[in-house]
Amino acid sequence: MAKNLNGELSIVSANRLVDGVVVFLDDAGQWTTTLGRAALARDGRAAEILLDRARAEAASVIDPFLVAVVENDEGRLEPLSLRERIRASGLTFDAIAAEAVRYA
């Protein structure tokens, strides 16, 4: 059964400035494209600290923000909202990029 149905777990997400790709802040303070490597805040106070840290590391990204997540039965993180699941999958960005290349 999934944990965090009320949104207590959070990660930080943003978009990279150079290419618009969705990224997540990891435990080392680096931006990664891999959701599973995102630093995890387990309560509201930890989430605010994580967001402050992300803002300090925001030179290469735009507008870091908190994303509520759950841990599934296998321990993988999954965003709670449909919008964030779509962002994390990269599907829409990949489709747009493919179209742009096709017409370039």
PDB file of N, CA and C in Angstrom:
ATOM      1  N   MET A   1       0.839  -1.186   0.000  1.00  0.00           N
ATOM      2  CA  MET A   1       0.000   0.000   0.000  1.00  0.00           C
ATOM      3  C   MET A   1       0.880   1.244   0.000  1.00  0.00           C
ATOM      4  N   ALA A   2       0.500   2.249  -0.757  1.00  0.00           N
ATOM      5  CA  ALA A   2       1.270   3.486  -0.858  1.00  0.00           C
ATOM      6  C   ALA A   2       1.203   4.267   0.448  1.00  0.00           C
ATOM      7  N   LYS A   3       2.292   4.927   0.781  1.00  0.00           N
ATOM      8  CA  LYS A   3       2.363   5.780   1.963  1.00  0.00           C
ATOM      9  C   LYS A   3       2.158   7.218   1.538  1.00  0.00           C
ATOM     10  N   ASN A   4       1.840   8.071   2.484  1.00  0.00           N
ATOM     11  CA  ASN A   4       1.749   9.513   2.262  1.00  0.00           C
ATOM     12  C   ASN A   4       0.535   9.924   1.440  1.00  0.00           C
ATOM     13  N   LEU A   5      -0.605   9.423   1.762  1.00  0.00           N
ATOM     14  CA  LEU A   5      -1.795   9.818   1.016  1.00  0.00           C
ATOM     15  C   LEU A   5      -2.208  11.252   1.312  1.00  0.00           C
ATOM     16  N   ASN A   6      -1.640  11.849   2.357  1.00  0.00           N
ATOM     17  CA  ASN A   6      -1.976  13.236   2.671  1.00  0.00           C
ATOM     18  C   ASN A   6      -0.883  14.224   2.281  1.00  0.00           C
ATOM     19  N   GLY A   7       0.155  13.772   1.595  1.00  0.00           N
ATOM     20  CA  GLY A   7       1.168  14.673   1.086  1.00  0.00           C
ATOM     21  C   GLY A   7       2.242  15.082   2.068  1.00  0.00           C
ATOM     22  N   GLU A   8       2.559  14.259   3.053  1.00  0.00           N
ATOM     23  CA  GLU A   8       3.595  14.604   4.021  1.00  0.00           C
ATOM     24  C   GLU A   8       4.995  14.487   3.437  1.00  0.00           C
ATOM     25  N   LEU A   9       5.199  13.614   2.468  1.00  0.00           N
ATOM     26  CA  LEU A   9       6.507  13.467   1.832  1.00  0.00           C
ATOM     27  C   LEU A   9       6.624  14.454   0.674  1.00  0.00           C
ATOM     28  N   SER A  10       7.802  15.079   0.563  1.00  0.00           N
ATOM     29  CA  SER A  10       7.988  16.072  -0.502  1.00  0.00           C
ATOM     30  C   SER A  10       9.382  15.970  -1.102  1.00  0.00           C
ATOM     31  N   ILE A  11       9.469  16.373  -2.353  1.00  0.00           N
ATOM     32  CA  ILE A  11      10.732  16.563  -3.043  1.00  0.00           C
ATOM     33  C   ILE A  11      10.692  17.958  -3.649  1.00  0.00           C
ATOM     34  N   VAL A  12      11.816  18.403  -4.209  1.00  0.00           N
ATOM     35  CA  VAL A  12      11.845  19.702  -4.882  1.00  0.00           C
ATOM     36  C   VAL A  12      12.100  19.468  -6.358  1.00  0.00           C
ATOM     37  N   SER A  13      11.329  20.165  -7.177  1.00  0.00           N
ATOM     38  CA  SER A  13      11.471  20.087  -8.626  1.00  0.00           C
ATOM     39  C   SER A  13      11.641  21.492  -9.197  1.00  0.00           C
ATOM     40  N   ALA A  14      12.193  21.539 -10.404  1.00  0.00           N
ATOM     41  CA  ALA A  14      12.363  22.798 -11.139  1.00  0.00           C
ATOM     42  C   ALA A  14      12.580  22.427 -12.602  1.00  0.00           C
ATOM     43  N   ASN A  15      12.839  23.416 -13.422  1.00  0.00           N
ATOM     44  CA  ASN A  15      13.211  23.186 -14.814  1.00  0.00           C
ATOM     45  C   ASN A  15      14.591  23.777 -15.047  1.00  0.00           C
ATOM     46  N   ARG A  16      15.430  23.030 -15.755  1.00  0.00           N
ATOM     47  CA  ARG A  16      16.767  23.507 -16.097  1.00  0.00           C
ATOM     48  C   ARG A  16      16.660  24.671 -17.060  1.00  0.00           C
ATOM     49  N   LEU A  17      17.467  25.690 -16.851  1.00  0.00           N
ATOM     50  CA  LEU A  17      17.421  26.878 -17.699  1.00  0.00           C
ATOM     51  C   LEU A  17      17.887  26.606 -19.120  1.00  0.00           C
ATOM     52  N   VAL A  18      18.890  25.771 -19.314  1.00  0.00           N
ATOM     53  CA  VAL A  18      19.476  25.599 -20.644  1.00  0.00           C
ATOM     54  C   VAL A  18      18.570  24.865 -21.613  1.00  0.00           C
ATOM     55  N   ASP A  19      17.708  23.961 -21.107  1.00  0.00           N
ATOM     56  CA  ASP A  19      16.895  23.168 -22.031  1.00  0.00           C
ATOM     57  C   ASP A  19      15.457  22.922 -21.574  1.00  0.00           C
ATOM     58  N   GLY A  20      15.076  23.392 -20.398  1.00  0.00           N
ATOM     59  CA  GLY A  20      13.710  23.239 -19.916  1.00  0.00           C
ATOM     60  C   GLY A  20      13.382  21.883 -19.328  1.00  0.00           C
ATOM     61  N   VAL A  21      14.350  20.990 -19.251  1.00  0.00           N
ATOM     62  CA  VAL A  21      14.109  19.644 -18.733  1.00  0.00           C
ATOM     63  C   VAL A  21      13.759  19.708 -17.249  1.00  0.00           C
ATOM     64  N   VAL A  22      12.822  18.853 -16.819  1.00  0.00           N
ATOM     65  CA  VAL A  22      12.421  18.752 -15.423  1.00  0.00           C
ATOM     66  C   VAL A  22      13.558  18.114 -14.634  1.00  0.00           C
ATOM     67  N   VAL A  23      13.906  18.734 -13.499  1.00  0.00           N
ATOM     68  CA  VAL A  23      14.976  18.222 -12.641  1.00  0.00           C
ATOM     69  C   VAL A  23      14.502  18.199 -11.186  1.00  0.00           C
ATOM     70  N   PHE A  24      15.230  17.427 -10.378  1.00  0.00           N
ATOM     71  CA  PHE A  24      14.915  17.244  -8.966  1.00  0.00           C
ATOM     72  C   PHE A  24      16.188  17.443  -8.157  1.00  0.00           C
ATOM     73  N   LEU A  25      16.077  18.074  -6.990  1.00  0.00           N
ATOM     74  CA  LEU A  25      17.237  18.278  -6.134  1.00  0.00           C
ATOM     75  C   LEU A  25      17.568  16.981  -5.413  1.00  0.00           C
ATOM     76  N   ASP A  26      18.846  16.558  -5.474  1.00  0.00           N
ATOM     77  CA  ASP A  26      19.243  15.323  -4.790  1.00  0.00           C
ATOM     78  C   ASP A  26      19.879  15.642  -3.437  1.00  0.00           C
ATOM     79  N   ASP A  27      20.270  14.603  -2.708  1.00  0.00           N
ATOM     80  CA  ASP A  27      20.839  14.782  -1.370  1.00  0.00           C
ATOM     81  C   ASP A  27      22.158  15.546  -1.372  1.00  0.00           C
ATOM     82  N   ALA A  28      22.868  15.523  -2.482  1.00  0.00           N
ATOM     83  CA  ALA A  28      24.155  16.219  -2.577  1.00  0.00           C
ATOM     84  C   ALA A  28      23.994  17.684  -2.977  1.00  0.00           C
ATOM     85  N   GLY A  29      22.747  18.142  -3.182  1.00  0.00           N
ATOM     86  CA  GLY A  29      22.512  19.516  -3.598  1.00  0.00           C
ATOM     87  C   GLY A  29      22.675  19.736  -5.081  1.00  0.00           C
ATOM     88  N   GLN A  30      22.683  18.651  -5.848  1.00  0.00           N
ATOM     89  CA  GLN A  30      22.792  18.714  -7.309  1.00  0.00           C
ATOM     90  C   GLN A  30      21.417  18.499  -7.924  1.00  0.00           C
ATOM     91  N   TRP A  31      21.250  18.961  -9.149  1.00  0.00           N
ATOM     92  CA  TRP A  31      19.998  18.767  -9.874  1.00  0.00           C
ATOM     93  C   TRP A  31      20.115  17.528 -10.750  1.00  0.00           C
ATOM     94  N   THR A  32      19.156  16.615 -10.619  1.00  0.00           N
ATOM     95  CA  THR A  32      19.161  15.366 -11.368  1.00  0.00           C
ATOM     96  C   THR A  32      17.855  15.217 -12.142  1.00  0.00           C
ATOM     97  N   THR A  33      17.911  14.516 -13.249  1.00  0.00           N
ATOM     98  CA  THR A  33      16.700  14.250 -14.030  1.00  0.00           C
ATOM     99  C   THR A  33      16.004  12.990 -13.553  1.00  0.00           C
ATOM    100  N   THR A  34      16.587  12.296 -12.586  1.00  0.00           N
ATOM    101  CA  THR A  34      16.049  11.031 -12.093  1.00  0.00           C
ATOM    102  C   THR A  34      15.234  11.247 -10.818  1.00  0.00           C
ATOM    103  N   LEU A  35      13.930  11.039 -10.899  1.00  0.00           N
ATOM    104  CA  LEU A  35      13.041  11.232  -9.759  1.00  0.00           C
ATOM    105  C   LEU A  35      13.480  10.399  -8.560  1.00  0.00           C
ATOM    106  N   GLY A  36      13.919   9.175  -8.786  1.00  0.00           N
ATOM    107  CA  GLY A  36      14.310   8.287  -7.702  1.00  0.00           C
ATOM    108  C   GLY A  36      15.521   8.750  -6.919  1.00  0.00           C
ATOM    109  N   ARG A  37      16.289   9.687  -7.454  1.00  0.00           N
ATOM    110  CA  ARG A  37      17.466  10.213  -6.757  1.00  0.00           C
ATOM    111  C   ARG A  37      17.163  11.508  -6.009  1.00  0.00           C
ATOM    112  N   ALA A  38      15.921  11.962  -6.041  1.00  0.00           N
ATOM    113  CA  ALA A  38      15.551  13.219  -5.381  1.00  0.00           C
ATOM    114  C   ALA A  38      15.672  13.097  -3.864  1.00  0.00           C
ATOM    115  N   ALA A  39      16.119  14.181  -3.242  1.00  0.00           N
ATOM    116  CA  ALA A  39      16.156  14.257  -1.782  1.00  0.00           C
ATOM    117  C   ALA A  39      14.723  14.268  -1.269  1.00  0.00           C
ATOM    118  N   LEU A  40      14.467  13.521  -0.208  1.00  0.00           N
ATOM    119  CA  LEU A  40      13.111  13.348   0.303  1.00  0.00           C
ATOM    120  C   LEU A  40      12.955  14.020   1.660  1.00  0.00           C
ATOM    121  N   ALA A  41      11.956  14.885   1.769  1.00  0.00           N
ATOM    122  CA  ALA A  41      11.593  15.506   3.046  1.00  0.00           C
ATOM    123  C   ALA A  41      10.396  14.753   3.603  1.00  0.00           C
ATOM    124  N   ARG A  42      10.463  14.342   4.855  1.00  0.00           N
ATOM    125  CA  ARG A  42       9.426  13.498   5.436  1.00  0.00           C
ATOM    126  C   ARG A  42       8.411  14.255   6.294  1.00  0.00           C
ATOM    127  N   ASP A  43       8.577  15.571   6.418  1.00  0.00           N
ATOM    128  CA  ASP A  43       7.577  16.374   7.144  1.00  0.00           C
ATOM    129  C   ASP A  43       7.647  17.811   6.632  1.00  0.00           C
ATOM    130  N   GLY A  44       6.735  18.630   7.101  1.00  0.00           N
ATOM    131  CA  GLY A  44       6.642  20.000   6.615  1.00  0.00           C
ATOM    132  C   GLY A  44       7.874  20.837   6.879  1.00  0.00           C
ATOM    133  N   ARG A  45       8.446  20.713   8.064  1.00  0.00           N
ATOM    134  CA  ARG A  45       9.652  21.498   8.393  1.00  0.00           C
ATOM    135  C   ARG A  45      10.823  21.086   7.507  1.00  0.00           C
ATOM    136  N   ALA A  46      11.014  19.786   7.319  1.00  0.00           N
ATOM    137  CA  ALA A  46      12.087  19.299   6.449  1.00  0.00           C
ATOM    138  C   ALA A  46      11.865  19.753   5.012  1.00  0.00           C
ATOM    139  N   ALA A  47      10.618  19.827   4.595  1.00  0.00           N
ATOM    140  CA  ALA A  47      10.304  20.284   3.237  1.00  0.00           C
ATOM    141  C   ALA A  47      10.701  21.743   3.048  1.00  0.00           C
ATOM    142  N   GLU A  48      10.428  22.580   4.037  1.00  0.00           N
ATOM    143  CA  GLU A  48      10.800  23.991   3.932  1.00  0.00           C
ATOM    144  C   GLU A  48      12.320  24.155   3.897  1.00  0.00           C
ATOM    145  N   ILE A  49      13.038  23.360   4.686  1.00  0.00           N
ATOM    146  CA  ILE A  49      14.499  23.401   4.678  1.00  0.00           C
ATOM    147  C   ILE A  49      15.023  22.968   3.306  1.00  0.00           C
ATOM    148  N   LEU A  50      14.428  21.907   2.758  1.00  0.00           N
ATOM    149  CA  LEU A  50      14.832  21.411   1.441  1.00  0.00           C
ATOM    150  C   LEU A  50      14.579  22.464   0.361  1.00  0.00           C
ATOM    151  N   LEU A  51      13.441  23.132   0.440  1.00  0.00           N
ATOM    152  CA  LEU A  51      13.129  24.175  -0.537  1.00  0.00           C
ATOM    153  C   LEU A  51      14.100  25.348  -0.419  1.00  0.00           C
ATOM    154  N   ASP A  52      14.450  25.743   0.794  1.00  0.00           N
ATOM    155  CA  ASP A  52      15.442  26.812   0.981  1.00  0.00           C
ATOM    156  C   ASP A  52      16.780  26.408   0.374  1.00  0.00           C
ATOM    157  N   ARG A  53      17.165  25.166   0.576  1.00  0.00           N
ATOM    158  CA  ARG A  53      18.416  24.647  -0.001  1.00  0.00           C
ATOM    159  C   ARG A  53      18.356  24.692  -1.525  1.00  0.00           C
ATOM    160  N   ALA A  54      17.208  24.302  -2.085  1.00  0.00           N
ATOM    161  CA  ALA A  54      17.038  24.312  -3.540  1.00  0.00           C
ATOM    162  C   ALA A  54      17.156  25.726  -4.087  1.00  0.00           C
ATOM    163  N   ARG A  55      16.572  26.676  -3.402  1.00  0.00           N
ATOM    164  CA  ARG A  55      16.655  28.068  -3.856  1.00  0.00           C
ATOM    165  C   ARG A  55      18.097  28.568  -3.840  1.00  0.00           C
ATOM    166  N   ALA A  56      18.887  28.077  -2.890  1.00  0.00           N
ATOM    167  CA  ALA A  56      20.301  28.448  -2.833  1.00  0.00           C
ATOM    168  C   ALA A  56      21.089  27.815  -3.980  1.00  0.00           C
ATOM    169  N   GLU A  57      20.612  26.695  -4.506  1.00  0.00           N
ATOM    170  CA  GLU A  57      21.275  25.978  -5.607  1.00  0.00           C
ATOM    171  C   GLU A  57      20.587  26.247  -6.944  1.00  0.00           C
ATOM    172  N   ALA A  58      19.871  27.363  -7.052  1.00  0.00           N
ATOM    173  CA  ALA A  58      18.999  27.607  -8.201  1.00  0.00           C
ATOM    174  C   ALA A  58      19.644  28.366  -9.353  1.00  0.00           C
ATOM    175  N   ALA A  59      20.958  28.458  -9.411  1.00  0.00           N
ATOM    176  CA  ALA A  59      21.608  29.214 -10.480  1.00  0.00           C
ATOM    177  C   ALA A  59      21.347  28.618 -11.858  1.00  0.00           C
ATOM    178  N   SER A  60      21.152  27.300 -11.945  1.00  0.00           N
ATOM    179  CA  SER A  60      20.971  26.656 -13.250  1.00  0.00           C
ATOM    180  C   SER A  60      19.532  26.226 -13.519  1.00  0.00           C
ATOM    181  N   VAL A  61      18.611  26.591 -12.618  1.00  0.00           N
ATOM    182  CA  VAL A  61      17.204  26.206 -12.778  1.00  0.00           C
ATOM    183  C   VAL A  61      16.306  27.409 -12.563  1.00  0.00           C
ATOM    184  N   ILE A  62      15.039  27.226 -12.890  1.00  0.00           N
ATOM    185  CA  ILE A  62      14.074  28.284 -12.670  1.00  0.00           C
ATOM    186  C   ILE A  62      12.975  27.813 -11.712  1.00  0.00           C
ATOM    187  N   ASP A  63      12.682  28.637 -10.718  1.00  0.00           N
ATOM    188  CA  ASP A  63      11.544  28.494  -9.819  1.00  0.00           C
ATOM    189  C   ASP A  63      11.399  27.116  -9.154  1.00  0.00           C
ATOM    190  N   PRO A  64      12.323  26.720  -8.280  1.00  0.00           N
ATOM    191  CA  PRO A  64      12.160  25.452  -7.563  1.00  0.00           C
ATOM    192  C   PRO A  64      10.892  25.470  -6.713  1.00  0.00           C
ATOM    193  N   PHE A  65      10.231  24.326  -6.614  1.00  0.00           N
ATOM    194  CA  PHE A  65       9.008  24.227  -5.818  1.00  0.00           C
ATOM    195  C   PHE A  65       8.868  22.823  -5.244  1.00  0.00           C
ATOM    196  N   LEU A  66       8.054  22.706  -4.181  1.00  0.00           N
ATOM    197  CA  LEU A  66       7.823  21.426  -3.525  1.00  0.00           C
ATOM    198  C   LEU A  66       6.807  20.599  -4.296  1.00  0.00           C
ATOM    199  N   VAL A  67       7.043  19.297  -4.333  1.00  0.00           N
ATOM    200  CA  VAL A  67       6.137  18.346  -4.967  1.00  0.00           C
ATOM    201  C   VAL A  67       5.801  17.267  -3.940  1.00  0.00           C
ATOM    202  N   ALA A  68       4.527  17.070  -3.658  1.00  0.00           N
ATOM    203  CA  ALA A  68       4.098  15.995  -2.751  1.00  0.00           C
ATOM    204  C   ALA A  68       4.247  14.658  -3.477  1.00  0.00           C
ATOM    205  N   VAL A  69       4.831  13.696  -2.782  1.00  0.00           N
ATOM    206  CA  VAL A  69       5.068  12.376  -3.362  1.00  0.00           C
ATOM    207  C   VAL A  69       4.614  11.281  -2.397  1.00  0.00           C
ATOM    208  N   VAL A  70       4.535  10.067  -2.929  1.00  0.00           N
ATOM    209  CA  VAL A  70       4.303   8.871  -2.125  1.00  0.00           C
ATOM    210  C   VAL A  70       5.413   7.875  -2.433  1.00  0.00           C
ATOM    211  N   GLU A  71       5.641   6.970  -1.507  1.00  0.00           N
ATOM    212  CA  GLU A  71       6.520   5.834  -1.761  1.00  0.00           C
ATOM    213  C   GLU A  71       5.623   4.646  -2.043  1.00  0.00           C
ATOM    214  N   ASN A  72       5.812   4.012  -3.202  1.00  0.00           N
ATOM    215  CA  ASN A  72       4.986   2.851  -3.514  1.00  0.00           C
ATOM    216  C   ASN A  72       5.521   1.624  -2.785  1.00  0.00           C
ATOM    217  N   ASP A  73       4.908   0.479  -3.013  1.00  0.00           N
ATOM    218  CA  ASP A  73       5.296  -0.748  -2.310  1.00  0.00           C
ATOM    219  C   ASP A  73       6.743  -1.143  -2.555  1.00  0.00           C
ATOM    220  N   GLU A  74       7.291  -0.759  -3.709  1.00  0.00           N
ATOM    221  CA  GLU A  74       8.680  -1.079  -4.034  1.00  0.00           C
ATOM    222  C   GLU A  74       9.650  -0.016  -3.519  1.00  0.00           C
ATOM    223  N   GLY A  75       9.131   1.024  -2.871  1.00  0.00           N
ATOM    224  CA  GLY A  75       9.973   2.092  -2.353  1.00  0.00           C
ATOM    225  C   GLY A  75      10.277   3.194  -3.352  1.00  0.00           C
ATOM    226  N   ARG A  76       9.686   3.137  -4.543  1.00  0.00           N
ATOM    227  CA  ARG A  76       9.892   4.196  -5.549  1.00  0.00           C
ATOM    228  C   ARG A  76       9.003   5.391  -5.236  1.00  0.00           C
ATOM    229  N   LEU A  77       9.511   6.565  -5.531  1.00  0.00           N
ATOM    230  CA  LEU A  77       8.739   7.785  -5.337  1.00  0.00           C
ATOM    231  C   LEU A  77       7.829   8.031  -6.530  1.00  0.00           C
ATOM    232  N   GLU A  78       6.618   8.473  -6.230  1.00  0.00           N
ATOM    233  CA  GLU A  78       5.656   8.827  -7.271  1.00  0.00           C
ATOM    234  C   GLU A  78       4.959  10.119  -6.863  1.00  0.00           C
ATOM    235  N   PRO A  79       4.927  11.124  -7.751  1.00  0.00           N
ATOM    236  CA  PRO A  79       4.202  12.361  -7.437  1.00  0.00           C
ATOM    237  C   PRO A  79       2.716  12.089  -7.212  1.00  0.00           C
ATOM    238  N   LEU A  80       2.112  12.840  -6.301  1.00  0.00           N
ATOM    239  CA  LEU A  80       0.687  12.675  -6.022  1.00  0.00           C
ATOM    240  C   LEU A  80      -0.191  13.259  -7.129  1.00  0.00           C
ATOM    241  N   SER A  81       0.186  14.407  -7.661  1.00  0.00           N
ATOM    242  CA  SER A  81      -0.690  15.061  -8.640  1.00  0.00           C
ATOM    243  C   SER A  81      -0.419  14.555 -10.057  1.00  0.00           C
ATOM    244  N   LEU A  82      -1.450  14.559 -10.853  1.00  0.00           N
ATOM    245  CA  LEU A  82      -1.332  14.151 -12.251  1.00  0.00           C
ATOM    246  C   LEU A  82      -0.352  15.065 -12.988  1.00  0.00           C
ATOM    247  N   ARG A  83      -0.426  16.344 -12.732  1.00  0.00           N
ATOM    248  CA  ARG A  83       0.482  17.299 -13.386  1.00  0.00           C
ATOM    249  C   ARG A  83       1.937  16.916 -13.142  1.00  0.00           C
ATOM    250  N   GLU A  84       2.272  16.606 -11.907  1.00  0.00           N
ATOM    251  CA  GLU A  84       3.657  16.272 -11.584  1.00  0.00           C
ATOM    252  C   GLU A  84       4.055  14.893 -12.100  1.00  0.00           C
ATOM    253  N   ARG A  85       3.115  13.957 -12.185  1.00  0.00           N
ATOM    254  CA  ARG A  85       3.428  12.659 -12.799  1.00  0.00           C
ATOM    255  C   ARG A  85       3.768  12.855 -14.276  1.00  0.00           C
ATOM    256  N   ILE A  86       3.035  13.730 -14.951  1.00  0.00           N
ATOM    257  CA  ILE A  86       3.313  14.020 -16.361  1.00  0.00           C
ATOM    258  C   ILE A  86       4.676  14.709 -16.495  1.00  0.00           C
ATOM    259  N   ARG A  87       4.944  15.710 -15.644  1.00  0.00           N
ATOM    260  CA  ARG A  87       6.243  16.394 -15.697  1.00  0.00           C
ATOM    261  C   ARG A  87       7.387  15.418 -15.474  1.00  0.00           C
ATOM    262  N   ALA A  88       7.233  14.536 -14.487  1.00  0.00           N
ATOM    263  CA  ALA A  88       8.299  13.578 -14.150  1.00  0.00           C
ATOM    264  C   ALA A  88       8.528  12.562 -15.259  1.00  0.00           C
ATOM    265  N   SER A  89       7.481  12.242 -16.015  1.00  0.00           N
ATOM    266  CA  SER A  89       7.632  11.247 -17.077  1.00  0.00           C
ATOM    267  C   SER A  89       8.383  11.804 -18.278  1.00  0.00           C
ATOM    268  N   GLY A  90       8.345  13.134 -18.455  1.00  0.00           N
ATOM    269  CA  GLY A  90       9.035  13.748 -19.572  1.00  0.00           C
ATOM    270  C   GLY A  90       8.350  13.528 -20.909  1.00  0.00           C
ATOM    271  N   LEU A  91       7.220  12.874 -20.934  1.00  0.00           N
ATOM    272  CA  LEU A  91       6.580  12.510 -22.193  1.00  0.00           C
ATOM    273  C   LEU A  91       6.188  13.713 -23.032  1.00  0.00           C
ATOM    274  N   THR A  92       5.583  14.711 -22.430  1.00  0.00           N
ATOM    275  CA  THR A  92       5.144  15.850 -23.230  1.00  0.00           C
ATOM    276  C   THR A  92       6.333  16.637 -23.751  1.00  0.00           C
ATOM    277  N   PHE A  93       7.368  16.797 -22.945  1.00  0.00           N
ATOM    278  CA  PHE A  93       8.543  17.530 -23.391  1.00  0.00           C
ATOM    279  C   PHE A  93       9.212  16.789 -24.545  1.00  0.00           C
ATOM    280  N   ASP A  94       9.357  15.471 -24.422  1.00  0.00           N
ATOM    281  CA  ASP A  94       9.978  14.679 -25.483  1.00  0.00           C
ATOM    282  C   ASP A  94       9.191  14.790 -26.788  1.00  0.00           C
ATOM    283  N   ALA A  95       7.868  14.772 -26.678  1.00  0.00           N
ATOM    284  CA  ALA A  95       7.030  14.865 -27.877  1.00  0.00           C
ATOM    285  C   ALA A  95       7.192  16.226 -28.539  1.00  0.00           C
ATOM    286  N   ILE A  96       7.239  17.279 -27.753  1.00  0.00           N
ATOM    287  CA  ILE A  96       7.399  18.627 -28.297  1.00  0.00           C
ATOM    288  C   ILE A  96       8.782  18.763 -28.940  1.00  0.00           C
ATOM    289  N   ALA A  97       9.801  18.243 -28.269  1.00  0.00           N
ATOM    290  CA  ALA A  97      11.163  18.319 -28.809  1.00  0.00           C
ATOM    291  C   ALA A  97      11.273  17.565 -30.122  1.00  0.00           C
ATOM    292  N   ALA A  98      10.636  16.397 -30.210  1.00  0.00           N
ATOM    293  CA  ALA A  98      10.672  15.602 -31.437  1.00  0.00           C
ATOM    294  C   ALA A  98      10.018  16.359 -32.585  1.00  0.00           C
ATOM    295  N   GLU A  99       8.913  17.025 -32.307  1.00  0.00           N
ATOM    296  CA  GLU A  99       8.227  17.824 -33.327  1.00  0.00           C
ATOM    297  C   GLU A  99       9.088  18.986 -33.780  1.00  0.00           C
ATOM    298  N   ALA A 100       9.767  19.631 -32.845  1.00  0.00           N
ATOM    299  CA  ALA A 100      10.617  20.763 -33.187  1.00  0.00           C
ATOM    300  C   ALA A 100      11.770  20.336 -34.088  1.00  0.00           C
ATOM    301  N   VAL A 101      12.356  19.173 -33.787  1.00  0.00           N
ATOM    302  CA  VAL A 101      13.455  18.659 -34.609  1.00  0.00           C
ATOM    303  C   VAL A 101      12.936  18.309 -35.995  1.00  0.00           C
ATOM    304  N   ARG A 102      11.771  17.723 -36.054  1.00  0.00           N
ATOM    305  CA  ARG A 102      11.205  17.310 -37.328  1.00  0.00           C
ATOM    306  C   ARG A 102      11.001  18.493 -38.274  1.00  0.00           C
ATOM    307  N   TYR A 103      10.607  19.636 -37.716  1.00  0.00           N
ATOM    308  CA  TYR A 103      10.336  20.809 -38.543  1.00  0.00           C
ATOM    309  C   TYR A 103      11.515  21.775 -38.650  1.00  0.00           C
ATOM    310  N   ALA A 104      12.612  21.452 -38.001  1.00  0.00           N
ATOM    311  CA  ALA A 104      13.773  22.364 -38.017  1.00  0.00           C
ATOM    312  C   ALA A 104      14.523  22.270 -39.337  1.00  0.00           C
TER     313      ALA A 104
END
